[in-house]
Amino acid sequence: MIDLKAIDIEGHIFFSALFELPKTTLIYVGNNKGYIMCSTLDIGQLNEKLEDSNVIAGIAVEVKTVDQLLEASLEAITYEAEELGIKKGMIGREALLKMV
């Protein structure tokens, strides 16, 4: 199943996508500047092999819904996200608001 939605966070529109895959779920929330995802994303790859792309991203672990992702603490962030003031441990909702 794929579930795509627009969500409003304090008057800012973000898009969410939830993909139910075999034995896992892929969850994304973001805008045209950056995004947060479940731990399926590999921050190390983004920071090391794609550093020149300046990706703004963060991950949270053990989340199964978009709402859980918005309230979860970020376990890892990209260097570019850190430049925006996003910190490891910040909840997803707060990190997204740094991306507006």
Protein backbone atom coordinates (compact mmCIF):
# COMPACT_ATOMS: atom_id res chain seq x y z
CA MET A 1 0.00 0.00 0.00
CA ILE A 2 1.10 3.56 -0.69
CA ASP A 3 -0.40 6.49 1.26
CA LEU A 4 0.42 10.03 0.08
CA LYS A 5 -0.82 13.12 1.92
CA ALA A 6 -0.23 16.83 2.32
CA ILE A 7 0.13 17.77 5.98
CA ASP A 8 0.05 21.17 7.66
CA ILE A 9 2.56 21.92 10.40
CA GLU A 10 2.03 25.37 11.90
CA GLY A 11 0.77 26.75 8.57
CA HIS A 12 3.51 25.15 6.45
CA ILE A 13 2.64 22.39 3.97
CA PHE A 14 4.74 19.23 3.85
CA PHE A 15 4.14 16.01 1.96
CA SER A 16 4.12 12.60 3.56
CA ALA A 17 4.50 9.22 1.94
CA LEU A 18 4.08 5.84 3.60
CA PHE A 19 5.08 2.76 1.61
CA GLU A 20 4.22 -0.62 3.08
CA LEU A 21 6.95 -2.92 1.80
CA PRO A 22 7.53 -6.60 2.54
CA LYS A 23 8.65 -6.82 6.20
CA THR A 24 9.15 -3.05 6.57
CA THR A 25 7.53 0.33 6.06
CA LEU A 26 9.18 3.32 4.40
CA ILE A 27 7.99 6.67 5.80
CA TYR A 28 8.90 10.13 4.46
CA VAL A 29 7.83 13.69 5.36
CA GLY A 30 9.37 16.72 3.68
CA ASN A 31 9.20 19.69 1.38
CA ASN A 32 11.29 21.01 -1.51
CA LYS A 33 14.15 21.87 0.88
CA GLY A 34 14.62 18.66 2.90
CA TYR A 35 13.01 15.69 4.60
CA ILE A 36 12.89 13.28 7.49
CA MET A 37 12.45 9.54 7.13
CA CYS A 38 12.35 6.29 9.01
CA SER A 39 15.66 4.50 9.53
CA THR A 40 15.54 2.93 6.06
CA LEU A 41 17.54 5.99 4.95
CA ASP A 42 21.35 5.72 5.21
CA ILE A 43 22.67 9.03 6.57
CA GLY A 44 26.27 7.80 6.23
CA GLN A 45 25.84 7.44 2.47
CA LEU A 46 24.35 10.92 2.20
CA ASN A 47 27.14 12.49 4.28
CA GLU A 48 30.03 10.61 2.73
CA LYS A 49 29.26 9.57 -0.83
CA LEU A 50 26.73 12.26 -1.71
CA GLU A 51 28.16 15.13 0.36
CA ASP A 52 28.36 17.39 -2.72
CA SER A 53 24.58 17.07 -3.11
CA ASN A 54 24.03 19.02 0.16
CA VAL A 55 21.06 16.85 1.16
CA ILE A 56 19.09 18.10 4.18
CA ALA A 57 17.76 14.99 5.92
CA GLY A 58 17.26 13.22 9.24
CA ILE A 59 16.15 9.78 10.38
CA ALA A 60 14.15 8.37 13.25
CA VAL A 61 14.06 4.71 14.27
CA GLU A 62 11.25 2.40 15.30
CA VAL A 63 8.46 4.46 13.74
CA LYS A 64 5.56 2.88 11.89
CA THR A 65 3.35 5.88 11.08
CA VAL A 66 3.73 9.45 9.87
CA ASP A 67 2.49 10.74 13.25
CA GLN A 68 5.15 8.70 15.05
CA LEU A 69 7.82 10.10 12.71
CA LEU A 70 6.71 13.67 13.46
CA GLU A 71 7.02 13.06 17.22
CA ALA A 72 10.15 10.88 17.23
CA SER A 73 13.63 12.09 18.13
CA LEU A 74 15.99 12.14 15.18
CA GLU A 75 18.77 9.58 15.57
CA ALA A 76 20.98 10.93 12.79
CA ILE A 77 21.10 13.99 10.55
CA THR A 78 23.10 15.09 7.54
CA TYR A 79 25.81 17.71 7.76
CA GLU A 80 23.63 20.08 5.74
CA ALA A 81 20.72 19.63 8.18
CA GLU A 82 23.06 20.52 11.03
CA GLU A 83 23.96 23.74 9.18
CA LEU A 84 20.24 24.69 9.36
CA GLY A 85 20.20 24.25 13.14
CA ILE A 86 18.69 20.76 13.14
CA LYS A 87 20.19 18.70 15.96
CA LYS A 88 20.38 15.00 16.71
CA GLY A 89 17.64 14.29 19.26
CA MET A 90 15.31 17.04 17.93
CA ILE A 91 11.81 15.77 17.24
CA GLY A 92 10.77 15.40 13.61
CA ARG A 93 8.18 18.17 13.67
CA GLU A 94 10.74 20.71 14.99
CA ALA A 95 13.31 19.64 12.39
CA LEU A 96 10.80 20.10 9.56
CA LEU A 97 10.03 23.63 10.72
CA LYS A 98 13.75 24.45 10.36
CA MET A 99 13.37 23.54 6.67
CA VAL A 100 10.91 26.32 5.82
